[in-house]
C-alpha atoms as a PDB file:
ATOM      1  CA  MET A   1      14.463  31.313-125.806  1.00  0.00           C
ATOM      2  CA  ALA A   2      12.774  28.202-126.994  1.00  0.00           C
ATOM      3  CA  VAL A   3      14.851  25.865-129.118  1.00  0.00           C
ATOM      4  CA  TRP A   4      13.553  23.107-131.385  1.00  0.00           C
ATOM      5  CA  ILE A   5      15.793  20.214-132.336  1.00  0.00           C
ATOM      6  CA  ALA A   6      14.913  18.430-135.586  1.00  0.00           C
ATOM      7  CA  ALA A   7      16.244  14.868-135.743  1.00  0.00           C
ATOM      8  CA  LEU A   8      16.342  13.765-139.331  1.00  0.00           C
ATOM      9  CA  ALA A   9      15.756  10.034-138.990  1.00  0.00           C
ATOM     10  CA  THR A  10      14.971   7.379-136.474  1.00  0.00           C
ATOM     11  CA  ALA A  11      15.153   4.268-138.613  1.00  0.00           C
ATOM     12  CA  THR A  12      16.132   5.041-142.184  1.00  0.00           C
ATOM     13  CA  SER A  13      16.847   2.518-144.880  1.00  0.00           C
ATOM     14  CA  SER A  14      20.557   3.049-144.229  1.00  0.00           C
ATOM     15  CA  GLY A  15      20.334   1.644-140.691  1.00  0.00           C
ATOM     16  CA  ALA A  16      18.806   2.124-137.263  1.00  0.00           C
ATOM     17  CA  VAL A  17      19.237   5.509-135.633  1.00  0.00           C
ATOM     18  CA  GLU A  18      18.343   5.985-131.982  1.00  0.00           C
ATOM     19  CA  GLU A  19      16.977   9.414-131.078  1.00  0.00           C
ATOM     20  CA  THR A  20      16.054   9.418-127.387  1.00  0.00           C
ATOM     21  CA  PRO A  21      15.194  12.426-125.246  1.00  0.00           C
ATOM     22  CA  ALA A  22      17.506  13.270-122.372  1.00  0.00           C
ATOM     23  CA  THR A  23      16.013  13.765-118.943  1.00  0.00           C
ATOM     24  CA  GLY A  24      17.201  17.005-117.408  1.00  0.00           C
ATOM     25  CA  ASP A  25      17.969  18.451-120.821  1.00  0.00           C
ATOM     26  CA  PRO A  26      15.135  20.799-121.807  1.00  0.00           C
ATOM     27  CA  VAL A  27      16.895  21.902-124.966  1.00  0.00           C
ATOM     28  CA  GLU A  28      16.800  18.378-126.388  1.00  0.00           C
ATOM     29  CA  VAL A  29      13.005  18.192-126.631  1.00  0.00           C
ATOM     30  CA  LEU A  30      10.980  15.215-127.834  1.00  0.00           C
ATOM     31  CA  GLN A  31       9.672  16.941-130.970  1.00  0.00           C
ATOM     32  CA  THR A  32      11.781  15.045-133.508  1.00  0.00           C
ATOM     33  CA  PRO A  33      10.236  14.975-136.984  1.00  0.00           C
ATOM     34  CA  ALA A  34      11.924  12.414-139.225  1.00  0.00           C
ATOM     35  CA  PHE A  35      12.507  12.024-142.915  1.00  0.00           C
ATOM     36  CA  PRO A  36       9.588  10.133-144.491  1.00  0.00           C
ATOM     37  CA  GLU A  37      10.267   6.421-144.639  1.00  0.00           C
ATOM     38  CA  LYS A  38       8.665   3.036-144.424  1.00  0.00           C
ATOM     39  CA  PRO A  39       6.525   2.920-141.239  1.00  0.00           C
ATOM     40  CA  PRO A  40       8.433   1.137-138.429  1.00  0.00           C
ATOM     41  CA  SER A  41       7.201  -2.232-137.163  1.00  0.00           C
ATOM     42  CA  LYS A  42       6.856  -0.682-133.682  1.00  0.00           C
ATOM     43  CA  PRO A  43       5.522   2.857-134.205  1.00  0.00           C
ATOM     44  CA  LEU A  44       5.030   3.633-130.482  1.00  0.00           C
ATOM     45  CA  ARG A  45       7.898   4.425-128.113  1.00  0.00           C
ATOM     46  CA  VAL A  46       7.567   5.314-124.435  1.00  0.00           C
ATOM     47  CA  TRP A  47      10.319   6.653-122.170  1.00  0.00           C
ATOM     48  CA  LEU A  48      10.282   6.539-118.370  1.00  0.00           C
ATOM     49  CA  GLY A  49      13.094   8.286-116.563  1.00  0.00           C
ATOM     50  CA  SER A  50      14.367  10.304-113.651  1.00  0.00           C
ATOM     51  CA  TYR A  51      17.042  12.970-113.230  1.00  0.00           C
ATOM     52  CA  LEU A  52      18.768  13.566-109.874  1.00  0.00           C
ATOM     53  CA  ALA A  53      20.964  16.548-108.936  1.00  0.00           C
ATOM     54  CA  PRO A  54      21.768  16.035-105.243  1.00  0.00           C
ATOM     55  CA  SER A  55      23.026  18.504-102.636  1.00  0.00           C
ATOM     56  CA  ALA A  56      24.242  21.462-104.646  1.00  0.00           C
ATOM     57  CA  ASP A  57      25.760  24.061-102.300  1.00  0.00           C
ATOM     58  CA  PHE A  58      24.363  27.593-102.801  1.00  0.00           C
ATOM     59  CA  GLY A  59      26.055  29.171 -99.784  1.00  0.00           C
ATOM     60  CA  ARG A  60      24.164  28.524 -96.566  1.00  0.00           C
ATOM     61  CA  PRO A  61      21.455  26.250 -98.039  1.00  0.00           C
ATOM     62  CA  GLU A  62      21.902  23.144-100.187  1.00  0.00           C
ATOM     63  CA  VAL A  63      19.442  22.417-102.996  1.00  0.00           C
ATOM     64  CA  THR A  64      18.462  18.946-104.244  1.00  0.00           C
ATOM     65  CA  LEU A  65      16.506  18.430-107.464  1.00  0.00           C
ATOM     66  CA  VAL A  66      14.625  15.273-108.490  1.00  0.00           C
ATOM     67  CA  ARG A  67      12.824  15.200-111.831  1.00  0.00           C
ATOM     68  CA  PRO A  68      10.776  12.117-112.853  1.00  0.00           C
ATOM     69  CA  ASP A  69       9.315  12.186-116.357  1.00  0.00           C
ATOM     70  CA  VAL A  70       7.388  10.220-118.966  1.00  0.00           C
ATOM     71  CA  SER A  71       7.425  10.776-122.737  1.00  0.00           C
ATOM     72  CA  PHE A  72       5.976   9.111-125.819  1.00  0.00           C
ATOM     73  CA  ARG A  73       6.198   9.225-129.595  1.00  0.00           C
ATOM     74  CA  LEU A  74       3.720   7.665-132.024  1.00  0.00           C
ATOM     75  CA  ARG A  75       4.580   7.494-135.707  1.00  0.00           C
ATOM     76  CA  LEU A  76       1.626   7.496-138.066  1.00  0.00           C
ATOM     77  CA  PRO A  77       1.747   5.305-141.205  1.00  0.00           C
ATOM     78  CA  VAL A  78       1.965   7.535-144.264  1.00  0.00           C
ATOM     79  CA  ASP A  79       3.806   7.167-147.595  1.00  0.00           C
ATOM     80  CA  HIS A  80       7.532   7.301-148.379  1.00  0.00           C
ATOM     81  CA  ARG A  81       7.554  11.069-149.044  1.00  0.00           C
ATOM     82  CA  PHE A  82       5.508  12.299-146.078  1.00  0.00           C
ATOM     83  CA  SER A  83       5.809  11.584-142.336  1.00  0.00           C
ATOM     84  CA  ALA A  84       3.673  12.475-139.326  1.00  0.00           C
ATOM     85  CA  GLU A  85       3.961  11.716-135.627  1.00  0.00           C
ATOM     86  CA  LEU A  86       2.445  12.633-132.281  1.00  0.00           C
ATOM     87  CA  THR A  87       4.635  13.371-129.261  1.00  0.00           C
ATOM     88  CA  GLY A  88       4.033  14.232-125.640  1.00  0.00           C
ATOM     89  CA  ASP A  89       5.906  14.489-122.364  1.00  0.00           C
ATOM     90  CA  PHE A  90       5.344  15.346-118.722  1.00  0.00           C
ATOM     91  CA  SER A  91       7.827  15.943-115.886  1.00  0.00           C
ATOM     92  CA  ALA A  92       7.750  17.147-112.289  1.00  0.00           C
ATOM     93  CA  SER A  93      10.714  19.087-110.839  1.00  0.00           C
ATOM     94  CA  ILE A  94      10.853  18.606-107.059  1.00  0.00           C
ATOM     95  CA  TYR A  95      13.147  20.992-105.164  1.00  0.00           C
ATOM     96  CA  ASP A  96      14.296  20.417-101.583  1.00  0.00           C
ATOM     97  CA  THR A  97      16.306  22.983 -99.591  1.00  0.00           C
ATOM     98  CA  ASP A  98      18.407  21.945 -96.592  1.00  0.00           C
ATOM     99  CA  GLY A  99      20.275  24.442 -94.431  1.00  0.00           C
ATOM    100  CA  ARG A 100      19.935  27.845 -92.839  1.00  0.00           C
ATOM    101  CA  GLY A 101      18.683  30.894 -94.658  1.00  0.00           C
ATOM    102  CA  PRO A 102      16.953  31.397 -97.997  1.00  0.00           C
ATOM    103  CA  VAL A 103      18.563  30.734-101.365  1.00  0.00           C
ATOM    104  CA  PHE A 104      17.830  34.310-102.488  1.00  0.00           C
ATOM    105  CA  THR A 105      19.080  36.606 -99.707  1.00  0.00           C
ATOM    106  CA  THR A 106      18.200  40.045-101.142  1.00  0.00           C
ATOM    107  CA  CYS A 107      14.762  39.024-102.438  1.00  0.00           C
ATOM    108  CA  PRO A 108      12.854  37.243 -99.630  1.00  0.00           C
ATOM    109  CA  GLU A 109       9.747  36.822-101.787  1.00  0.00           C
ATOM    110  CA  CYS A 110      11.841  34.988-104.423  1.00  0.00           C
ATOM    111  CA  SER A 111      11.682  31.530-102.878  1.00  0.00           C
ATOM    112  CA  LEU A 112      12.258  28.331-104.844  1.00  0.00           C
ATOM    113  CA  PRO A 113       9.162  26.479-106.025  1.00  0.00           C
ATOM    114  CA  ASP A 114       8.632  23.287-104.025  1.00  0.00           C
ATOM    115  CA  GLU A 115       7.298  21.579-107.141  1.00  0.00           C
ATOM    116  CA  ALA A 116       7.165  22.712-110.754  1.00  0.00           C
ATOM    117  CA  TYR A 117       5.811  20.921-113.797  1.00  0.00           C
ATOM    118  CA  SER A 118       6.410  20.731-117.540  1.00  0.00           C
ATOM    119  CA  ALA A 119       4.093  19.256-120.159  1.00  0.00           C
ATOM    120  CA  SER A 120       3.887  19.372-123.936  1.00  0.00           C
ATOM    121  CA  PHE A 121       1.978  17.824-126.814  1.00  0.00           C
ATOM    122  CA  GLY A 122       2.958  18.154-130.443  1.00  0.00           C
ATOM    123  CA  VAL A 123       2.318  17.103-134.023  1.00  0.00           C
ATOM    124  CA  GLN A 124       5.389  16.838-136.262  1.00  0.00           C
ATOM    125  CA  SER A 125       5.744  16.155-139.958  1.00  0.00           C
ATOM    126  CA  GLY A 126       8.279  15.971-142.758  1.00  0.00           C
ATOM    127  CA  TYR A 127       8.066  16.104-146.545  1.00  0.00           C
ATOM    128  CA  VAL A 128      10.818  14.996-148.922  1.00  0.00           C
ATOM    129  CA  LEU A 129      11.547  17.584-151.610  1.00  0.00           C
ATOM    130  CA  LYS A 130      12.278  16.599-155.195  1.00  0.00           C
ATOM    131  CA  LEU A 131      14.707  19.207-156.492  1.00  0.00           C
ATOM    132  CA  GLY A 132      15.691  17.522-159.762  1.00  0.00           C
ATOM    133  CA  ARG A 133      19.422  17.915-159.039  1.00  0.00           C
ATOM    134  CA  HIS A 134      21.902  16.946-156.336  1.00  0.00           C
ATOM    135  CA  LEU A 135      24.601  18.818-154.451  1.00  0.00           C
ATOM    136  CA  PHE A 136      27.076  16.097-153.384  1.00  0.00           C
ATOM    137  CA  ARG A 137      25.614  12.620-154.058  1.00  0.00           C
ATOM    138  CA  SER A 138      22.772  11.202-156.092  1.00  0.00           C
ATOM    139  CA  ASP A 139      21.214   9.555-152.996  1.00  0.00           C
ATOM    140  CA  GLU A 140      21.091  12.735-150.889  1.00  0.00           C
ATOM    141  CA  ARG A 141      17.727  13.906-149.592  1.00  0.00           C
ATOM    142  CA  TRP A 142      16.254  17.302-148.751  1.00  0.00           C
ATOM    143  CA  ALA A 143      13.154  17.608-146.605  1.00  0.00           C
ATOM    144  CA  LEU A 144      10.854  20.264-145.220  1.00  0.00           C
ATOM    145  CA  LEU A 145      10.303  19.721-141.463  1.00  0.00           C
ATOM    146  CA  GLY A 146       7.809  21.352-139.118  1.00  0.00           C
ATOM    147  CA  ASP A 147       5.693  20.991-136.002  1.00  0.00           C
ATOM    148  CA  LEU A 148       2.822  22.495-134.035  1.00  0.00           C
ATOM    149  CA  SER A 149       2.879  22.213-130.255  1.00  0.00           C
ATOM    150  CA  LEU A 150       1.233  23.217-127.009  1.00  0.00           C
ATOM    151  CA  SER A 151       3.445  23.374-123.910  1.00  0.00           C
ATOM    152  CA  ALA A 152       3.349  24.589-120.311  1.00  0.00           C
ATOM    153  CA  ASP A 153       5.980  25.062-117.579  1.00  0.00           C
ATOM    154  CA  TRP A 154       4.448  26.089-114.302  1.00  0.00           C
ATOM    155  CA  GLU A 155       4.460  26.209-110.533  1.00  0.00           C
ATOM    156  CA  ALA A 156       1.240  24.950-108.930  1.00  0.00           C
ATOM    157  CA  GLY A 157      -1.413  27.630-109.393  1.00  0.00           C
ATOM    158  CA  ALA A 158       0.072  29.129-112.585  1.00  0.00           C
ATOM    159  CA  PHE A 159      -0.842  26.500-115.174  1.00  0.00           C
ATOM    160  CA  GLU A 160      -3.193  28.594-117.309  1.00  0.00           C
ATOM    161  CA  GLU A 161      -0.758  31.523-117.454  1.00  0.00           C
ATOM    162  CA  SER A 162       2.078  29.256-118.639  1.00  0.00           C
ATOM    163  CA  ILE A 163       0.340  27.668-121.649  1.00  0.00           C
ATOM    164  CA  SER A 164       2.410  28.421-124.754  1.00  0.00           C
ATOM    165  CA  PRO A 165       1.371  27.465-128.308  1.00  0.00           C
ATOM    166  CA  GLY A 166       4.274  27.216-130.722  1.00  0.00           C
ATOM    167  CA  ALA A 167       5.298  26.295-134.251  1.00  0.00           C
ATOM    168  CA  SER A 168       8.539  25.540-136.030  1.00  0.00           C
ATOM    169  CA  LEU A 169       9.744  25.197-139.597  1.00  0.00           C
ATOM    170  CA  GLY A 170      13.049  23.905-140.877  1.00  0.00           C
ATOM    171  CA  CYS A 171      14.955  22.292-143.718  1.00  0.00           C
ATOM    172  CA  GLY A 172      16.766  18.958-143.423  1.00  0.00           C
ATOM    173  CA  TYR A 173      19.590  17.435-145.450  1.00  0.00           C
ATOM    174  CA  GLU A 174      20.760  13.805-145.389  1.00  0.00           C
ATOM    175  CA  LEU A 175      23.644  11.822-146.822  1.00  0.00           C
ATOM    176  CA  PRO A 176      22.640   8.237-145.946  1.00  0.00           C
ATOM    177  CA  SER A 177      24.995   6.505-143.478  1.00  0.00           C
ATOM    178  CA  THR A 178      27.157   9.638-143.214  1.00  0.00           C
ATOM    179  CA  LEU A 179      25.600  12.970-142.310  1.00  0.00           C
ATOM    180  CA  ARG A 180      22.304  14.491-141.210  1.00  0.00           C
ATOM    181  CA  ILE A 181      21.725  18.224-140.716  1.00  0.00           C
ATOM    182  CA  ALA A 182      18.639  20.300-139.962  1.00  0.00           C
ATOM    183  CA  LEU A 183      18.301  24.073-139.653  1.00  0.00           C
ATOM    184  CA  GLY A 184      15.160  25.931-138.715  1.00  0.00           C
ATOM    185  CA  ALA A 185      13.404  28.353-136.418  1.00  0.00           C
ATOM    186  CA  ARG A 186      10.701  28.218-133.770  1.00  0.00           C
ATOM    187  CA  VAL A 187       8.235  30.800-132.530  1.00  0.00           C
ATOM    188  CA  GLU A 188       6.030  30.499-129.440  1.00  0.00           C
ATOM    189  CA  ARG A 189       4.244  32.565-126.836  1.00  0.00           C
ATOM    190  CA  ALA A 190       6.663  33.873-124.199  1.00  0.00           C
ATOM    191  CA  LEU A 191       6.425  32.156-120.826  1.00  0.00           C
ATOM    192  CA  ASP A 192       5.944  35.472-119.022  1.00  0.00           C
ATOM    193  CA  GLY A 193       2.954  36.214-121.270  1.00  0.00           C
ATOM    194  CA  ASP A 194       4.536  39.283-122.855  1.00  0.00           C
ATOM    195  CA  GLY A 195       5.070  38.850-126.594  1.00  0.00           C
ATOM    196  CA  VAL A 196       6.668  35.836-128.287  1.00  0.00           C
ATOM    197  CA  ASP A 197       9.972  33.971-128.203  1.00  0.00           C
ATOM    198  CA  LEU A 198      11.765  33.350-131.491  1.00  0.00           C
ATOM    199  CA  GLY A 199      14.710  30.985-131.534  1.00  0.00           C
ATOM    200  CA  PRO A 200      16.930  29.151-134.043  1.00  0.00           C
ATOM    201  CA  SER A 201      17.258  25.392-134.196  1.00  0.00           C
ATOM    202  CA  VAL A 202      20.065  23.197-135.436  1.00  0.00           C
ATOM    203  CA  TYR A 203      20.698  19.460-135.513  1.00  0.00           C
ATOM    204  CA  LEU A 204      23.883  17.654-136.538  1.00  0.00           C
ATOM    205  CA  ARG A 205      24.627  13.940-136.688  1.00  0.00           C
ATOM    206  CA  TRP A 206      27.877  12.768-138.238  1.00  0.00           C
ATOM    207  CA  ASP A 207      28.757   9.085-138.533  1.00  0.00           C
ATOM    208  CA  VAL A 208      32.530   9.425-138.464  1.00  0.00           C
ATOM    209  CA  ALA A 209      33.059   5.661-138.730  1.00  0.00           C
ATOM    210  CA  ARG A 210      31.002   2.528-138.248  1.00  0.00           C
ATOM    211  CA  GLU A 211      31.543   2.546-134.466  1.00  0.00           C
ATOM    212  CA  PHE A 212      31.779   6.309-133.844  1.00  0.00           C
ATOM    213  CA  ARG A 213      29.142   9.001-134.084  1.00  0.00           C
ATOM    214  CA  ILE A 214      29.095  12.708-133.182  1.00  0.00           C
ATOM    215  CA  ARG A 215      25.907  14.674-132.669  1.00  0.00           C
ATOM    216  CA  ASN A 216      24.902  17.913-131.072  1.00  0.00           C
ATOM    217  CA  ARG A 217      23.011  17.727-127.792  1.00  0.00           C
ATOM    218  CA  GLY A 218      21.112  20.955-127.588  1.00  0.00           C
ATOM    219  CA  LEU A 219      23.777  23.567-126.812  1.00  0.00           C
ATOM    220  CA  GLY A 220      26.501  20.942-126.588  1.00  0.00           C
ATOM    221  CA  VAL A 221      27.896  17.743-128.052  1.00  0.00           C
ATOM    222  CA  ARG A 222      27.608  13.985-127.572  1.00  0.00           C
ATOM    223  CA  VAL A 223      30.242  11.499-128.812  1.00  0.00           C
ATOM    224  CA  GLU A 224      29.087   7.877-129.115  1.00  0.00           C
ATOM    225  CA  TYR A 225      30.969   4.580-129.402  1.00  0.00           C
ATOM    226  CA  LEU A 226      28.899   1.629-130.650  1.00  0.00           C
ATOM    227  CA  PRO A 227      30.974  -1.587-130.465  1.00  0.00           C
ATOM    228  CA  THR A 228      27.895  -3.823-130.913  1.00  0.00           C
ATOM    229  CA  GLY A 229      24.209  -3.483-131.732  1.00  0.00           C
ATOM    230  CA  ARG A 230      23.277  -4.117-128.096  1.00  0.00           C
ATOM    231  CA  PHE A 231      25.644  -1.764-126.283  1.00  0.00           C
ATOM    232  CA  GLU A 232      26.717   1.884-126.567  1.00  0.00           C
ATOM    233  CA  LEU A 233      29.057   4.171-124.622  1.00  0.00           C
ATOM    234  CA  PHE A 234      28.922   7.954-124.829  1.00  0.00           C
ATOM    235  CA  ALA A 235      30.521  11.124-123.470  1.00  0.00           C
ATOM    236  CA  THR A 236      28.719  14.446-123.429  1.00  0.00           C
ATOM    237  CA  GLY A 237      28.913  18.101-122.483  1.00  0.00           C
ATOM    238  CA  TYR A 238      25.947  20.447-122.812  1.00  0.00           C
ATOM    239  CA  GLN A 239      23.932  23.259-121.288  1.00  0.00           C
ATOM    240  CA  ALA A 240      20.390  22.721-119.964  1.00  0.00           C
ATOM    241  CA  ARG A 241      17.820  25.198-118.750  1.00  0.00           C
ATOM    242  CA  ASP A 242      14.466  24.880-116.999  1.00  0.00           C
ATOM    243  CA  ARG A 243      12.185  27.882-116.757  1.00  0.00           C
ATOM    244  CA  PHE A 244       8.828  27.941-114.941  1.00  0.00           C
ATOM    245  CA  ARG A 245       6.034  30.470-114.603  1.00  0.00           C
ATOM    246  CA  LEU A 246       5.558  31.236-110.889  1.00  0.00           C
ATOM    247  CA  ASP A 247       2.221  31.644-109.161  1.00  0.00           C
ATOM    248  CA  ASP A 248       1.255  35.125-107.978  1.00  0.00           C
ATOM    249  CA  ARG A 249       3.185  36.080-104.833  1.00  0.00           C
ATOM    250  CA  PRO A 250       3.108  39.184-102.623  1.00  0.00           C
ATOM    251  CA  GLY A 251       5.820  41.584-103.718  1.00  0.00           C
ATOM    252  CA  LEU A 252       6.269  40.067-107.190  1.00  0.00           C
ATOM    253  CA  SER A 253       4.663  41.359-110.369  1.00  0.00           C
ATOM    254  CA  ALA A 254       2.656  39.198-112.757  1.00  0.00           C
ATOM    255  CA  GLY A 255       4.687  37.189-115.233  1.00  0.00           C
ATOM    256  CA  THR A 256       7.498  36.269-112.823  1.00  0.00           C
ATOM    257  CA  THR A 257       9.540  33.221-113.828  1.00  0.00           C
ATOM    258  CA  PHE A 258      12.071  30.972-112.097  1.00  0.00           C
ATOM    259  CA  ARG A 259      15.096  29.701-114.038  1.00  0.00           C
ATOM    260  CA  ASP A 260      17.483  26.825-113.318  1.00  0.00           C
ATOM    261  CA  ARG A 261      20.439  26.867-115.740  1.00  0.00           C
ATOM    262  CA  GLN A 262      23.015  24.060-115.693  1.00  0.00           C
ATOM    263  CA  ALA A 263      26.219  23.228-117.580  1.00  0.00           C
ATOM    264  CA  LEU A 264      26.878  19.482-117.448  1.00  0.00           C
ATOM    265  CA  VAL A 265      29.756  17.170-118.361  1.00  0.00           C
ATOM    266  CA  GLY A 266      29.323  13.400-118.137  1.00  0.00           C
ATOM    267  CA  GLY A 267      29.002  10.059-119.815  1.00  0.00           C
ATOM    268  CA  GLY A 268      27.052   6.853-119.772  1.00  0.00           C
ATOM    269  CA  MET A 269      25.883   3.773-121.578  1.00  0.00           C
ATOM    270  CA  VAL A 270      22.855   2.471-123.456  1.00  0.00           C
ATOM    271  CA  VAL A 271      22.008  -1.247-123.162  1.00  0.00           C
ATOM    272  CA  LYS A 272      19.507  -3.065-125.379  1.00  0.00           C
ATOM    273  CA  LEU A 273      17.897  -5.459-122.886  1.00  0.00           C
ATOM    274  CA  SER A 274      15.505  -7.028-125.413  1.00  0.00           C
ATOM    275  CA  ARG A 275      13.491  -6.171-128.506  1.00  0.00           C
ATOM    276  CA  THR A 276      11.138  -4.215-126.244  1.00  0.00           C
ATOM    277  CA  PHE A 277      13.341  -2.602-123.581  1.00  0.00           C
ATOM    278  CA  ARG A 278      16.416  -0.342-123.664  1.00  0.00           C
ATOM    279  CA  MET A 279      18.078   1.211-120.623  1.00  0.00           C
ATOM    280  CA  THR A 280      20.237   4.348-120.405  1.00  0.00           C
ATOM    281  CA  VAL A 281      22.435   5.279-117.440  1.00  0.00           C
ATOM    282  CA  GLU A 282      24.232   8.631-117.402  1.00  0.00           C
ATOM    283  CA  MET A 283      26.242  10.354-114.678  1.00  0.00           C
ATOM    284  CA  GLY A 284      28.624  13.257-114.386  1.00  0.00           C
ATOM    285  CA  ALA A 285      29.092  16.715-112.888  1.00  0.00           C
ATOM    286  CA  ILE A 286      27.170  19.981-113.023  1.00  0.00           C
ATOM    287  CA  VAL A 287      30.178  22.267-113.475  1.00  0.00           C
ATOM    288  CA  ASP A 288      28.204  25.513-113.497  1.00  0.00           C
ATOM    289  CA  ARG A 289      24.717  26.237-112.152  1.00  0.00           C
ATOM    290  CA  ASN A 290      22.667  29.383-111.677  1.00  0.00           C
ATOM    291  CA  LEU A 291      19.236  29.846-110.096  1.00  0.00           C
ATOM    292  CA  ALA A 292      17.436  33.110-110.867  1.00  0.00           C
ATOM    293  CA  VAL A 293      14.083  34.852-110.637  1.00  0.00           C
ATOM    294  CA  ASP A 294      13.051  37.197-113.462  1.00  0.00           C
ATOM    295  CA  THR A 295      10.121  39.555-113.884  1.00  0.00           C
ATOM    296  CA  ARG A 296       8.632  40.861-117.094  1.00  0.00           C
ATOM    297  CA  ASP A 297       9.034  44.480-116.000  1.00  0.00           C
ATOM    298  CA  ASP A 298      12.299  44.545-114.008  1.00  0.00           C
ATOM    299  CA  GLY A 299      14.355  41.713-115.490  1.00  0.00           C
ATOM    300  CA  LYS A 300      16.459  39.587-113.126  1.00  0.00           C
ATOM    301  CA  LEU A 301      15.608  40.214-109.464  1.00  0.00           C
ATOM    302  CA  GLU A 302      18.354  37.972-108.099  1.00  0.00           C
ATOM    303  CA  GLY A 303      20.555  35.120-109.252  1.00  0.00           C
ATOM    304  CA  VAL A 304      22.782  32.773-107.246  1.00  0.00           C
ATOM    305  CA  ASP A 305      25.522  30.359-108.353  1.00  0.00           C
ATOM    306  CA  GLY A 306      26.009  26.857-106.981  1.00  0.00           C
ATOM    307  CA  ASP A 307      29.149  24.817-106.444  1.00  0.00           C
ATOM    308  CA  VAL A 308      30.114  21.873-108.639  1.00  0.00           C
ATOM    309  CA  SER A 309      27.858  18.890-107.877  1.00  0.00           C
ATOM    310  CA  PRO A 310      27.070  15.444-109.358  1.00  0.00           C
ATOM    311  CA  TYR A 311      24.068  14.373-111.421  1.00  0.00           C
ATOM    312  CA  LEU A 312      22.537  11.041-112.381  1.00  0.00           C
ATOM    313  CA  THR A 313      20.020  10.100-115.095  1.00  0.00           C
ATOM    314  CA  LEU A 314      18.217   6.775-115.457  1.00  0.00           C
ATOM    315  CA  ARG A 315      15.938   6.052-118.418  1.00  0.00           C
ATOM    316  CA  LEU A 316      13.959   3.085-119.701  1.00  0.00           C
ATOM    317  CA  GLU A 317      12.753   3.013-123.303  1.00  0.00           C
ATOM    318  CA  ILE A 318       9.789   0.767-124.118  1.00  0.00           C
ATOM    319  CA  ARG A 319       8.869  -0.325-127.655  1.00  0.00           C
ATOM    320  CA  PRO A 320       5.626  -2.298-127.234  1.00  0.00           C
END
């Protein structure tokens, strides 16, 4: 199920809000439409990062995953009631198996992809609604949020079959300096090519105090401590899932997909190196992991669970 996360603001008049994508977290996608506002002085942001999940034990073999990625967001100058932005990202998931025997023992044709890729391009927008009345405070804001996107998640040779157009629509609510919420839904072509996927979306950001913030991270939570404007500490727990369309293989029907589901617990820090560069370091443990191969006709062919293993994420944000 595809999930769209709507972040309500990136730099509102009430203060700076950092909304950065998380490498290795496919639920927390880059499509982040914001409440209309004054165009930022630096409308372009670029993220370079890499996610490492080393030596996870799946019985006889051990599986290592490395995922480098690059993402961007470009905000277009519009007026104070309407916003628009372009986003894009690309990543390569590189799997390496070390040890005797296959990962999938009862399905010999269900081998791991050596390399798999993800790419997306989207157009997001937001429009502030004038309702003529308020619910809690006179400065609250309601907005209509939406996006159109084109994405693909594929093993080499299956790019065309994995292309998935999608659209989302949601409603956002903001209490400046206190609370931001967005609820919506997304629909897109199913990765196996059979029908469509329809999924809900939700975003929550609560500024509990000046130094503390709580926000959802996809299917999880992130708690942030901001002692200064140049440094941030955070703790997080969330679920991530990659899913790729596999190339045609003997013994497998068309529309076969490979899934890598992870439950992660960790923490890290964000450091503002300069006006142009910010660095994020995150590490922790993958406490639950499942690899599986699914077909459109037969469902799950086989799934295997891995032992607890570490993970590490490094990310550099550039604001030219």
